[in-house]
Amino acid sequence: MNPTRPTTSPVSPAFTGHGHVTFLGAGPGDPGLLTLRAVEALSGADVLIAEPEVLDVVRCHARAGVSTPELTVVDEASTTAGVPVLRDAANLVMEAARGGRRVVRAVTGDPGLDGNAGAEMLACAAEGIPFEVVPGVATAVGVPAYAGVPLRDAHGTDVRFVDARTADERCWAEVGASDGTVVVSTSLDAVAAAAGELVAAGRKPDTPLTVTIAGTTTRQRTWNATLGTIAQVFKQGKVLPSPEGHRPVIAVVGERSAPAQRDQLSWFESKPLFGWRVLVPRTKEQAASLSDQLRSYGAVPHEVPTIAVEPPRTPQQMERAVKGLVTGRYEWIAFTSVNAVKAVREKFEEYGLDARAFAGIKVAAVGEQTAAALVDFGVKPDLVPSGEQSAAGLLEDWPPYDPVFDPIDRVFLPRADIATETLVAGLIELGWEVDDVTAYRTVRASPPPADTREAIKGGGFDAVLFTSSSTVRNLVGIAGKPHNVTVIACIGPATAKTAEEHGLRVDVLSPEPSVHKLAEALADFGLRRRESALEAGDPVTRPSERRPGARRRRTT
């Protein structure tokens, strides 16, 4: 068997007269818990029918144009008011499959533990509609793992799973009589009632208990208590009453959930930037790898473009330079940004050229992302700075012009209209002629949405990463000055100076002019802050929780 092929191959609709349905487990909430088979099935779906809680988790893996009919629960009021009854998931699935379409039905957790999915599978079987099941990480298993609560130990502890919404007296009696671990699926405002049922059925009131809300997401929060004290813990912590009381939680009852173990095993909530909302003033394309890095530290990145890129006002200079590439006018071309690569690539495509036009020309690039953009274009850079990723770093490695070995003495430098002259001056000093060409213009971006502006000024963000002086000026110009509780992190001294000139307190300075080193420095800051709080016996809070009127802890 070829290991790269899926283990299941859906029957083609052409052979059945019907479509095909994939019942897919989307896991508890962390997008990273989707299986490879789940991603493969999503990429081929014609129709995606997903529970609202996991729609965003799965939709990003579906192809463009996939149909995503909305699932809506109709209440009595809407029915009485004469609102047409909306189709439920089973009807949507069957209708799409009868039409010969490939359907993905995504549920939270695992479809084998979802009663509605089971009924829909039976409906497919009754009509001869082929289907498959792609298991997912069950919520009752995944959430305790992220909370640092092992369900079994080396002694093989018995584990029982209970859904408090459907559990009857006999069920409570059985788990109450057991001394094993009990995993209870319930809601936040029903936890105390479930604990009471277990005590009434025989479990000791001092049995350890953990309760986790929004498990496997960066909104996760876990409380430690016992069956007898959980109601008091919620009351003292002002957890309840709350408008979020209906939110689902996973409660683990038993010695495995003891706080002493969680102190050592709580790997997820102890990440250095866990739950921090971090503002990244860059476009999604520019910030992709940076945002991934921030997520690995537990942060929630929020990209806000501060600069928009537009074509040069007079394109003739760029057109002449690109034609010069083809006719052999240049020995080198130097790219100092991803936007420069994009500008040249777009001009190439306009003329029907591709990467082969770079044959015989040496290519230089500043920065990992710029080099990656060139590789994506089909061009491997000949020169990337070995040290500092900047114009100065590039000049340190750039060879001087040698008329014996260099048949051509000219360099094509496509760049922004506001770029500094450092690189041009340095290349001229090395003996090169430079065609300094405006490949694109940078202008201030449009203001972000009103709620984002309010969060920036009101302290709703925990940190902001400034990657240049222009990002400082532009962010303040389009959205206002960040609140004084927000941690300000700057990529270098010049950027920090600009931030201070705008009245901002700089808390973090990157040791190197690299966005990834900047993210590392912010993570180190968060880790030291967390360790200081723990050493002082204080609760670990986010910077935004220090602002006036902020809740001390968030549950969503």
Protein backbone atom coordinates (compact mmCIF):
# COMPACT_ATOMS: atom_id res chain seq x y z
CA MET A 1 0.00 0.00 0.00
CA ASN A 2 1.22 3.48 -0.83
CA PRO A 3 1.47 5.19 2.60
CA THR A 4 0.66 8.59 1.14
CA ARG A 5 -2.79 7.49 0.02
CA PRO A 6 -5.84 7.74 2.30
CA THR A 7 -6.89 4.54 4.00
CA THR A 8 -10.46 5.05 2.79
CA SER A 9 -11.54 5.89 -0.73
CA PRO A 10 -15.10 7.19 -1.02
CA VAL A 11 -17.15 5.57 -3.75
CA SER A 12 -17.52 7.94 -6.68
CA PRO A 13 -20.99 9.47 -6.98
CA ALA A 14 -20.98 8.37 -10.62
CA PHE A 15 -21.24 4.73 -9.53
CA THR A 16 -23.95 5.21 -6.91
CA GLY A 17 -26.31 7.82 -8.22
CA HIS A 18 -25.87 9.59 -4.90
CA GLY A 19 -23.26 11.80 -3.37
CA HIS A 20 -21.03 10.89 -0.47
CA VAL A 21 -21.04 11.99 3.16
CA THR A 22 -18.03 12.27 5.45
CA PHE A 23 -18.90 12.49 9.14
CA LEU A 24 -15.92 14.33 10.53
CA GLY A 25 -14.75 14.97 14.06
CA ALA A 26 -13.39 18.52 14.38
CA GLY A 27 -12.02 18.02 17.89
CA PRO A 28 -12.62 20.20 20.97
CA GLY A 29 -11.62 23.54 19.45
CA ASP A 30 -7.89 23.72 18.74
CA PRO A 31 -7.54 23.82 14.91
CA GLY A 32 -4.25 21.94 15.22
CA LEU A 33 -6.07 18.82 16.42
CA LEU A 34 -7.68 18.13 13.03
CA THR A 35 -6.36 14.92 11.51
CA LEU A 36 -4.65 14.72 8.13
CA ARG A 37 -7.59 12.71 6.81
CA ALA A 38 -9.98 15.41 8.02
CA VAL A 39 -8.04 18.11 6.13
CA GLU A 40 -8.03 15.93 3.01
CA ALA A 41 -11.79 15.35 3.19
CA LEU A 42 -12.47 19.05 3.71
CA SER A 43 -10.42 20.02 0.67
CA GLY A 44 -12.69 17.91 -1.56
CA ALA A 45 -16.06 18.90 -0.10
CA ASP A 46 -18.81 20.45 -2.23
CA VAL A 47 -20.94 21.14 0.85
CA LEU A 48 -19.72 21.77 4.40
CA ILE A 49 -22.30 21.38 7.16
CA ALA A 50 -20.68 22.22 10.48
CA GLU A 51 -21.80 23.00 13.97
CA PRO A 52 -21.34 26.73 14.68
CA GLU A 53 -18.73 25.98 17.38
CA VAL A 54 -16.34 24.37 14.88
CA LEU A 55 -17.21 26.12 11.62
CA ASP A 56 -14.19 28.43 11.78
CA VAL A 57 -11.94 25.46 12.66
CA VAL A 58 -12.84 23.53 9.50
CA ARG A 59 -13.82 26.19 6.96
CA CYS A 60 -10.25 27.36 6.35
CA HIS A 61 -9.38 23.89 4.97
CA ALA A 62 -12.28 23.79 2.50
CA ARG A 63 -11.83 24.90 -1.09
CA ALA A 64 -13.00 28.30 -2.31
CA GLY A 65 -16.66 28.33 -3.19
CA VAL A 66 -17.70 25.48 -0.90
CA SER A 67 -21.32 25.76 0.17
CA THR A 68 -21.78 26.23 3.94
CA PRO A 69 -25.51 26.19 4.74
CA GLU A 70 -26.23 27.63 8.17
CA LEU A 71 -27.54 25.44 10.97
CA THR A 72 -30.18 27.30 12.95
CA VAL A 73 -32.17 26.14 15.93
CA VAL A 74 -35.77 27.37 15.68
CA ASP A 75 -37.35 28.22 19.03
CA GLU A 76 -41.04 28.38 19.86
CA ALA A 77 -41.15 32.17 19.61
CA SER A 78 -39.92 32.19 16.02
CA THR A 79 -42.32 29.42 15.04
CA THR A 80 -45.27 31.23 16.65
CA ALA A 81 -44.29 34.43 14.86
CA GLY A 82 -44.71 32.66 11.54
CA VAL A 83 -41.01 32.34 10.66
CA PRO A 84 -40.55 29.45 8.17
CA VAL A 85 -39.14 26.35 9.84
CA LEU A 86 -35.48 26.01 8.88
CA ARG A 87 -34.07 22.69 7.78
CA ASP A 88 -32.06 20.79 10.33
CA ALA A 89 -28.65 19.18 9.79
CA ALA A 90 -30.04 15.77 8.79
CA ASN A 91 -32.22 17.29 6.07
CA LEU A 92 -29.35 19.40 4.78
CA VAL A 93 -27.05 16.39 4.64
CA MET A 94 -29.57 14.16 2.87
CA GLU A 95 -30.64 16.78 0.36
CA ALA A 96 -27.05 17.56 -0.68
CA ALA A 97 -26.12 13.86 -0.89
CA ARG A 98 -29.18 13.04 -2.99
CA GLY A 99 -28.01 15.74 -5.40
CA GLY A 100 -24.75 13.86 -5.99
CA ARG A 101 -22.56 16.19 -3.96
CA ARG A 102 -19.71 15.42 -1.62
CA VAL A 103 -20.79 16.45 1.87
CA VAL A 104 -18.67 16.94 4.97
CA ARG A 105 -20.68 16.92 8.19
CA ALA A 106 -18.40 18.32 10.91
CA VAL A 107 -19.20 17.92 14.60
CA THR A 108 -17.45 18.99 17.77
CA GLY A 109 -15.21 16.29 19.23
CA ASP A 110 -15.71 12.83 17.72
CA PRO A 111 -18.71 11.76 15.59
CA GLY A 112 -18.84 8.39 17.35
CA LEU A 113 -19.82 10.19 20.56
CA ASP A 114 -22.37 12.45 18.87
CA GLY A 115 -25.90 11.06 18.97
CA ASN A 116 -27.16 13.30 16.18
CA ALA A 117 -24.35 12.19 13.86
CA GLY A 118 -25.27 8.56 14.60
CA ALA A 119 -28.88 9.18 13.54
CA GLU A 120 -27.70 10.87 10.35
CA MET A 121 -25.46 7.89 9.53
CA LEU A 122 -28.48 5.57 9.87
CA ALA A 123 -30.46 7.82 7.51
CA CYS A 124 -27.66 7.59 4.93
CA ALA A 125 -27.51 3.81 5.30
CA ALA A 126 -31.29 3.53 4.84
CA GLU A 127 -31.10 5.35 1.49
CA GLY A 128 -27.94 3.64 0.28
CA ILE A 129 -25.87 6.82 0.43
CA PRO A 130 -22.20 5.91 0.93
CA PHE A 131 -20.53 7.52 3.92
CA GLU A 132 -17.35 7.36 5.94
CA VAL A 133 -16.38 8.41 9.44
CA VAL A 134 -13.26 10.42 10.19
CA PRO A 135 -12.68 10.22 13.96
CA GLY A 136 -11.71 13.31 15.88
CA VAL A 137 -10.22 14.03 19.29
CA ALA A 138 -13.09 13.55 21.73
CA THR A 139 -13.79 16.63 23.86
CA ALA A 140 -13.92 14.56 27.03
CA VAL A 141 -10.38 13.29 26.32
CA GLY A 142 -8.74 16.30 24.63
CA VAL A 143 -9.79 18.93 27.17
CA PRO A 144 -8.34 17.14 30.25
CA ALA A 145 -5.10 16.57 28.30
CA TYR A 146 -4.81 20.33 27.66
CA ALA A 147 -5.71 21.05 31.29
CA GLY A 148 -2.88 18.85 32.55
CA VAL A 149 -5.22 16.25 34.04
CA PRO A 150 -4.30 12.64 33.15
CA LEU A 151 -7.30 10.32 33.23
CA ARG A 152 -5.38 7.15 34.02
CA ASP A 153 -2.14 6.22 35.73
CA ALA A 154 0.17 3.22 35.88
CA HIS A 155 -2.33 1.41 38.10
CA GLY A 156 -4.95 1.38 35.35
CA THR A 157 -7.61 3.52 36.99
CA ASP A 158 -11.17 2.97 35.80
CA VAL A 159 -12.50 5.94 33.76
CA ARG A 160 -16.20 6.76 33.36
CA PHE A 161 -17.69 9.35 31.02
CA VAL A 162 -20.96 11.06 31.94
CA ASP A 163 -23.09 13.58 30.07
CA ALA A 164 -24.86 15.43 32.90
CA ARG A 165 -27.61 16.60 30.55
CA THR A 166 -28.88 13.07 29.93
CA ALA A 167 -27.60 11.16 32.99
CA ASP A 168 -30.35 9.44 35.02
CA GLU A 169 -30.40 8.32 38.64
CA ARG A 170 -28.98 4.90 37.80
CA CYS A 171 -26.03 6.48 35.96
CA TRP A 172 -25.17 8.75 38.92
CA ALA A 173 -25.46 5.79 41.29
CA GLU A 174 -23.00 3.73 39.23
CA VAL A 175 -20.33 6.42 38.99
CA GLY A 176 -20.91 7.42 42.61
CA ALA A 177 -20.18 3.90 43.76
CA SER A 178 -16.94 3.79 41.76
CA ASP A 179 -13.61 5.14 42.99
CA GLY A 180 -12.33 5.68 39.45
CA THR A 181 -11.98 8.88 37.46
CA VAL A 182 -15.23 10.46 36.28
CA VAL A 183 -15.27 12.85 33.31
CA VAL A 184 -18.45 14.91 33.34
CA SER A 185 -19.67 16.93 30.34
CA THR A 186 -21.87 19.72 31.65
CA SER A 187 -22.30 23.51 31.63
CA LEU A 188 -20.62 26.06 33.88
CA ASP A 189 -23.74 26.83 35.89
CA ALA A 190 -24.57 23.11 36.31
CA VAL A 191 -21.20 21.98 37.70
CA ALA A 192 -22.24 22.35 41.36
CA ALA A 193 -25.40 20.33 40.72
CA ALA A 194 -23.38 17.52 39.10
CA ALA A 195 -20.97 17.57 42.05
CA GLY A 196 -23.96 17.27 44.38
CA GLU A 197 -25.27 14.26 42.45
CA LEU A 198 -21.91 12.50 42.86
CA VAL A 199 -21.74 13.24 46.59
CA ALA A 200 -25.32 12.03 47.05
CA ALA A 201 -24.39 8.84 45.18
CA GLY A 202 -21.46 8.10 47.48
CA ARG A 203 -18.38 10.03 46.39
CA LYS A 204 -16.57 11.80 49.23
CA PRO A 205 -16.96 15.61 49.35
CA ASP A 206 -13.17 16.05 49.53
CA THR A 207 -12.64 14.25 46.18
CA PRO A 208 -10.50 16.52 43.93
CA LEU A 209 -12.24 18.18 41.01
CA THR A 210 -11.06 20.28 38.04
CA VAL A 211 -13.39 22.27 35.82
CA THR A 212 -12.23 23.50 32.39
CA ILE A 213 -14.05 25.91 30.11
CA ALA A 214 -13.16 26.64 26.45
CA GLY A 215 -10.75 23.71 26.55
CA THR A 216 -7.91 23.47 23.97
CA THR A 217 -8.36 27.13 22.95
CA THR A 218 -6.46 30.19 24.14
CA ARG A 219 -9.57 31.13 26.14
CA GLN A 220 -9.15 28.01 28.28
CA ARG A 221 -9.53 28.43 32.03
CA THR A 222 -9.32 25.70 34.69
CA TRP A 223 -10.44 25.81 38.32
CA ASN A 224 -9.24 23.45 41.07
CA ALA A 225 -11.64 22.48 43.86
CA THR A 226 -13.33 19.46 45.45
CA LEU A 227 -16.83 18.12 45.03
CA GLY A 228 -17.79 19.84 48.26
CA THR A 229 -16.15 23.22 47.61
CA ILE A 230 -16.74 23.92 43.91
CA ALA A 231 -19.85 26.05 44.53
CA GLN A 232 -17.93 28.18 47.05
CA VAL A 233 -14.91 28.50 44.71
CA PHE A 234 -17.14 29.80 41.93
CA LYS A 235 -18.89 32.23 44.27
CA GLN A 236 -15.69 33.61 45.83
CA GLY A 237 -14.05 33.92 42.42
CA LYS A 238 -17.14 35.70 41.05
CA VAL A 239 -17.28 33.07 38.30
CA LEU A 240 -21.01 32.70 38.80
CA PRO A 241 -23.54 34.05 38.27
CA SER A 242 -22.44 34.89 34.73
CA PRO A 243 -24.00 35.33 31.30
CA GLU A 244 -21.54 32.63 30.24
CA GLY A 245 -23.12 30.09 32.57
CA HIS A 246 -24.54 28.11 29.66
CA ARG A 247 -21.07 27.47 28.20
CA PRO A 248 -20.00 23.80 28.12
CA VAL A 249 -17.28 22.62 30.48
CA ILE A 250 -15.45 19.38 31.22
CA ALA A 251 -15.20 18.42 34.89
CA VAL A 252 -12.78 15.69 35.97
CA VAL A 253 -13.41 14.02 39.32
CA GLY A 254 -10.80 11.85 41.03
CA GLU A 255 -7.27 11.79 42.40
CA ARG A 256 -5.78 12.25 38.94
CA SER A 257 -7.17 15.80 38.90
CA ALA A 258 -5.43 16.80 42.16
CA PRO A 259 -3.97 20.35 42.08
CA ALA A 260 -0.52 19.06 43.03
CA GLN A 261 -0.35 17.21 39.73
CA ARG A 262 -1.72 20.10 37.71
CA ASP A 263 1.10 22.33 38.97
CA GLN A 264 3.51 20.03 37.15
CA LEU A 265 1.39 18.96 34.18
CA SER A 266 -0.46 22.14 33.14
CA TRP A 267 1.58 22.61 29.97
CA PHE A 268 -0.97 24.59 27.95
CA GLU A 269 -2.14 27.31 30.33
CA SER A 270 1.45 27.86 31.49
CA LYS A 271 2.69 29.01 28.08
CA PRO A 272 4.49 32.36 28.40
CA LEU A 273 1.88 34.42 26.51
CA PHE A 274 -1.16 32.25 27.21
CA GLY A 275 -4.33 34.11 26.27
CA TRP A 276 -2.52 37.37 25.46
CA ARG A 277 -4.12 39.38 22.67
CA VAL A 278 -1.14 40.62 20.66
CA LEU A 279 -1.53 43.34 18.06
CA VAL A 280 0.62 42.77 14.97
CA PRO A 281 0.59 45.90 12.78
CA ARG A 282 1.18 44.05 9.51
CA THR A 283 -0.94 42.47 6.80
CA LYS A 284 -1.96 38.82 7.11
CA GLU A 285 0.49 37.89 4.33
CA GLN A 286 3.40 39.63 6.06
CA ALA A 287 2.45 38.40 9.52
CA ALA A 288 1.70 34.74 8.71
CA SER A 289 4.85 33.14 10.16
CA LEU A 290 5.04 35.70 13.00
CA SER A 291 1.44 34.96 14.00
CA ASP A 292 2.15 31.23 13.96
CA GLN A 293 5.11 31.82 16.27
CA LEU A 294 2.98 33.89 18.65
CA ARG A 295 0.33 31.14 18.72
CA SER A 296 3.02 28.64 19.73
CA TYR A 297 3.56 30.81 22.83
CA GLY A 298 -0.18 30.70 23.58
CA ALA A 299 -0.98 34.19 22.26
CA VAL A 300 -3.91 35.31 20.14
CA PRO A 301 -2.44 37.43 17.31
CA HIS A 302 -4.55 40.16 15.72
CA GLU A 303 -3.21 41.55 12.44
CA VAL A 304 -3.87 45.21 11.66
CA PRO A 305 -2.33 46.60 8.46
CA THR A 306 -0.81 50.04 8.99
CA ILE A 307 0.73 50.38 5.54
CA ALA A 308 -0.90 49.85 2.16
CA VAL A 309 1.20 49.11 -0.91
CA GLU A 310 0.39 50.86 -4.20
CA PRO A 311 2.10 50.95 -7.63
CA PRO A 312 4.54 53.77 -8.36
CA ARG A 313 3.01 56.98 -9.74
CA THR A 314 5.21 56.74 -12.85
CA PRO A 315 5.68 53.10 -13.90
CA GLN A 316 8.04 53.79 -16.82
CA GLN A 317 11.19 53.55 -14.67
CA MET A 318 10.17 50.10 -13.38
CA GLU A 319 9.26 48.95 -16.90
CA ARG A 320 12.68 49.97 -18.27
CA ALA A 321 14.47 48.19 -15.42
CA VAL A 322 12.56 44.92 -15.94
CA LYS A 323 13.32 45.03 -19.66
CA GLY A 324 16.97 45.65 -18.73
CA LEU A 325 16.95 42.40 -16.74
CA VAL A 326 16.05 40.49 -19.89
CA THR A 327 18.56 42.29 -22.12
CA GLY A 328 21.53 41.76 -19.77
CA ARG A 329 21.88 45.25 -18.34
CA TYR A 330 22.48 44.05 -14.76
CA GLU A 331 24.96 41.88 -12.90
CA TRP A 332 22.92 41.91 -9.66
CA ILE A 333 19.37 42.50 -8.44
CA ALA A 334 18.85 43.16 -4.73
CA PHE A 335 15.53 42.62 -2.93
CA THR A 336 15.13 44.26 0.47
CA SER A 337 11.48 43.30 1.13
CA VAL A 338 8.72 40.89 0.22
CA ASN A 339 6.88 43.78 -1.41
CA ALA A 340 9.80 44.34 -3.79
CA VAL A 341 9.67 40.68 -4.84
CA LYS A 342 5.91 40.97 -5.35
CA ALA A 343 6.29 44.13 -7.45
CA VAL A 344 8.87 42.57 -9.78
CA ARG A 345 6.90 39.34 -10.02
CA GLU A 346 3.72 41.20 -11.00
CA LYS A 347 5.63 43.11 -13.68
CA PHE A 348 7.10 39.84 -14.97
CA GLU A 349 3.63 38.33 -15.23
CA GLU A 350 2.42 41.43 -17.05
CA TYR A 351 5.10 40.83 -19.72
CA GLY A 352 4.61 37.05 -19.80
CA LEU A 353 7.96 36.37 -18.11
CA ASP A 354 8.83 33.89 -15.38
CA ALA A 355 11.80 33.05 -13.14
CA ARG A 356 13.90 32.00 -16.15
CA ALA A 357 14.43 35.70 -16.87
CA PHE A 358 16.83 35.75 -13.89
CA ALA A 359 19.24 33.39 -15.68
CA GLY A 360 22.78 34.76 -15.47
CA ILE A 361 21.86 37.42 -12.90
CA LYS A 362 23.00 37.25 -9.28
CA VAL A 363 20.20 37.72 -6.75
CA ALA A 364 20.52 39.16 -3.24
CA ALA A 365 17.86 39.21 -0.53
CA VAL A 366 17.53 40.78 2.92
CA GLY A 367 15.55 38.74 5.43
CA GLU A 368 14.20 35.21 5.65
CA GLN A 369 10.75 36.18 4.40
CA THR A 370 12.16 37.97 1.36
CA ALA A 371 14.29 34.93 0.52
CA ALA A 372 11.27 32.66 0.98
CA ALA A 373 9.20 34.85 -1.39
CA LEU A 374 11.95 34.49 -4.02
CA VAL A 375 12.08 30.72 -3.60
CA ASP A 376 8.31 30.64 -4.03
CA PHE A 377 8.85 32.54 -7.28
CA GLY A 378 11.37 29.89 -8.36
CA VAL A 379 14.53 31.89 -7.61
CA LYS A 380 17.18 30.84 -5.10
CA PRO A 381 19.09 33.89 -3.74
CA ASP A 382 22.83 33.91 -4.28
CA LEU A 383 23.44 36.23 -1.35
CA VAL A 384 21.63 36.60 1.98
CA PRO A 385 23.36 38.51 4.83
CA SER A 386 25.22 36.14 7.11
CA GLY A 387 24.71 38.48 10.06
CA GLU A 388 22.23 41.28 10.59
CA GLN A 389 19.27 41.09 8.22
CA SER A 390 19.39 44.71 7.07
CA ALA A 391 20.90 46.91 4.37
CA ALA A 392 24.01 47.28 6.53
CA GLY A 393 24.25 43.51 6.95
CA LEU A 394 23.93 43.01 3.19
CA LEU A 395 26.72 45.52 2.51
CA GLU A 396 29.05 43.67 4.85
CA ASP A 397 28.82 40.57 2.64
CA TRP A 398 28.48 42.29 -0.76
CA PRO A 399 31.61 41.86 -2.94
CA PRO A 400 33.33 44.96 -4.35
CA TYR A 401 33.12 45.48 -8.11
CA ASP A 402 35.98 43.74 -9.92
CA PRO A 403 36.29 44.60 -13.65
CA VAL A 404 38.14 41.32 -14.26
CA PHE A 405 35.46 39.01 -12.83
CA ASP A 406 32.35 41.17 -13.22
CA PRO A 407 31.42 41.72 -16.88
CA ILE A 408 28.69 44.19 -15.89
CA ASP A 409 28.95 46.82 -13.16
CA ARG A 410 25.28 47.64 -12.63
CA VAL A 411 22.83 46.68 -9.82
CA PHE A 412 19.03 46.82 -10.06
CA LEU A 413 17.55 47.86 -6.72
CA PRO A 414 13.70 47.73 -6.69
CA ARG A 415 12.35 49.22 -3.47
CA ALA A 416 9.85 51.47 -1.72
CA ASP A 417 9.53 55.19 -2.34
CA ILE A 418 10.49 55.97 1.27
CA ALA A 419 13.53 53.67 1.54
CA THR A 420 16.74 55.01 3.04
CA GLU A 421 19.86 55.68 0.96
CA THR A 422 22.17 53.45 3.03
CA LEU A 423 22.27 50.58 0.55
CA VAL A 424 22.68 52.79 -2.52
CA ALA A 425 25.55 54.73 -0.98
CA GLY A 426 27.26 51.55 0.19
CA LEU A 427 27.06 49.86 -3.22
CA ILE A 428 28.45 52.96 -4.96
CA GLU A 429 31.32 52.98 -2.48
CA LEU A 430 32.02 49.35 -3.45
CA GLY A 431 32.36 50.44 -7.07
CA TRP A 432 28.91 49.50 -8.42
CA GLU A 433 26.52 51.56 -10.51
CA VAL A 434 23.02 51.42 -9.06
CA ASP A 435 19.63 51.77 -10.73
CA ASP A 436 17.60 52.78 -7.68
CA VAL A 437 14.03 52.15 -8.86
CA THR A 438 10.76 52.89 -7.06
CA ALA A 439 8.94 49.55 -7.40
CA TYR A 440 6.07 50.42 -5.09
CA ARG A 441 4.74 53.17 -2.84
CA THR A 442 3.83 52.77 0.80
CA VAL A 443 0.87 54.77 2.04
CA ARG A 444 -0.96 54.83 5.34
CA ALA A 445 -3.60 52.10 5.51
CA SER A 446 -7.27 52.73 6.21
CA PRO A 447 -8.30 52.76 9.89
CA PRO A 448 -9.20 49.37 11.38
CA PRO A 449 -12.79 48.63 12.51
CA ALA A 450 -14.20 50.67 15.40
CA ASP A 451 -14.02 47.78 17.90
CA THR A 452 -10.32 47.29 17.12
CA ARG A 453 -9.60 51.01 17.57
CA GLU A 454 -11.44 50.97 20.88
CA ALA A 455 -9.49 47.91 22.04
CA ILE A 456 -6.20 49.63 21.15
CA LYS A 457 -7.00 52.84 23.02
CA GLY A 458 -8.93 51.16 25.85
CA GLY A 459 -6.35 48.54 26.82
CA GLY A 460 -8.04 45.55 25.21
CA PHE A 461 -4.72 44.32 23.80
CA ASP A 462 -2.04 42.84 26.03
CA ALA A 463 0.89 43.70 23.77
CA VAL A 464 1.74 45.32 20.46
CA LEU A 465 4.72 44.47 18.26
CA PHE A 466 6.25 47.41 16.40
CA THR A 467 8.46 46.25 13.53
CA SER A 468 9.49 49.69 12.23
CA SER A 469 9.20 53.38 13.01
CA SER A 470 6.56 53.72 10.30
CA THR A 471 4.34 51.12 12.00
CA VAL A 472 4.44 53.24 15.16
CA ARG A 473 3.54 56.45 13.37
CA ASN A 474 0.89 54.85 11.19
CA LEU A 475 -0.80 52.85 13.96
CA VAL A 476 -1.09 55.92 16.17
CA GLY A 477 -2.33 57.89 13.15
CA ILE A 478 -5.09 55.46 12.08
CA ALA A 479 -6.12 53.96 15.43
CA GLY A 480 -4.80 56.06 18.30
CA LYS A 481 -2.16 55.52 20.97
CA PRO A 482 -2.13 52.12 22.75
CA HIS A 483 -3.30 52.17 26.38
CA ASN A 484 -0.59 52.43 29.04
CA VAL A 485 -1.27 48.88 30.32
CA THR A 486 -0.35 47.45 26.89
CA VAL A 487 3.16 45.98 26.66
CA ILE A 488 5.10 47.74 23.90
CA ALA A 489 7.70 45.62 22.06
CA CYS A 490 10.02 47.19 19.47
CA ILE A 491 12.29 45.60 16.89
CA GLY A 492 15.22 47.96 17.43
CA PRO A 493 16.50 51.22 18.96
CA ALA A 494 15.23 53.46 16.14
CA THR A 495 11.73 52.02 16.42
CA ALA A 496 11.87 52.32 20.22
CA LYS A 497 12.89 55.97 19.93
CA THR A 498 9.90 56.68 17.67
CA ALA A 499 7.59 54.91 20.12
CA GLU A 500 8.91 57.00 23.01
CA GLU A 501 8.48 60.18 20.96
CA HIS A 502 4.81 59.25 20.69
CA GLY A 503 4.53 58.94 24.46
CA LEU A 504 4.76 55.14 24.65
CA ARG A 505 6.68 53.21 27.31
CA VAL A 506 8.88 50.59 25.65
CA ASP A 507 8.89 47.36 27.66
CA VAL A 508 10.61 44.94 25.27
CA LEU A 509 13.47 45.53 22.86
CA SER A 510 14.49 42.80 20.42
CA PRO A 511 18.16 41.76 20.72
CA GLU A 512 18.33 41.58 16.91
CA PRO A 513 16.38 43.35 14.12
CA SER A 514 14.27 40.28 13.37
CA VAL A 515 10.51 39.87 13.80
CA HIS A 516 11.03 36.36 15.13
CA LYS A 517 13.59 37.53 17.69
CA LEU A 518 11.11 40.23 18.66
CA ALA A 519 8.43 37.59 19.31
CA GLU A 520 10.95 35.56 21.32
CA ALA A 521 11.79 38.62 23.42
CA LEU A 522 8.09 39.21 24.13
CA ALA A 523 7.70 35.57 25.16
CA ASP A 524 10.67 35.90 27.53
CA PHE A 525 9.05 39.01 29.01
CA GLY A 526 5.77 37.12 29.51
CA LEU A 527 7.56 34.18 31.12
CA ARG A 528 9.43 36.41 33.60
CA ARG A 529 6.17 38.18 34.42
CA ARG A 530 4.43 34.88 35.05
CA GLU A 531 7.26 33.53 37.23
CA SER A 532 7.31 36.72 39.31
CA ALA A 533 3.57 36.45 39.98
CA LEU A 534 3.87 32.80 41.03
CA GLU A 535 6.85 33.53 43.31
CA ALA A 536 4.86 36.32 44.99
CA GLY A 537 1.83 34.06 45.40
CA ASP A 538 -0.25 36.29 43.14
CA PRO A 539 -2.63 35.10 40.44
CA VAL A 540 -1.21 35.04 36.92
CA THR A 541 -3.03 37.75 34.97
CA ARG A 542 -2.66 39.32 31.55
CA PRO A 543 -1.63 43.00 31.17
CA SER A 544 -5.10 43.93 29.88
CA GLU A 545 -6.64 42.69 33.13
CA ARG A 546 -4.92 45.55 34.97
CA ARG A 547 -6.90 48.28 33.23
CA PRO A 548 -9.72 49.99 35.14
CA GLY A 549 -12.96 48.07 34.87
CA ALA A 550 -11.32 44.93 33.49
CA ARG A 551 -12.37 41.59 34.89
CA ARG A 552 -9.62 39.89 36.81
CA ARG A 553 -10.13 36.66 34.93
CA ARG A 554 -11.86 35.97 31.66
CA THR A 555 -13.74 32.77 30.96
CA THR A 556 -14.22 33.29 27.25
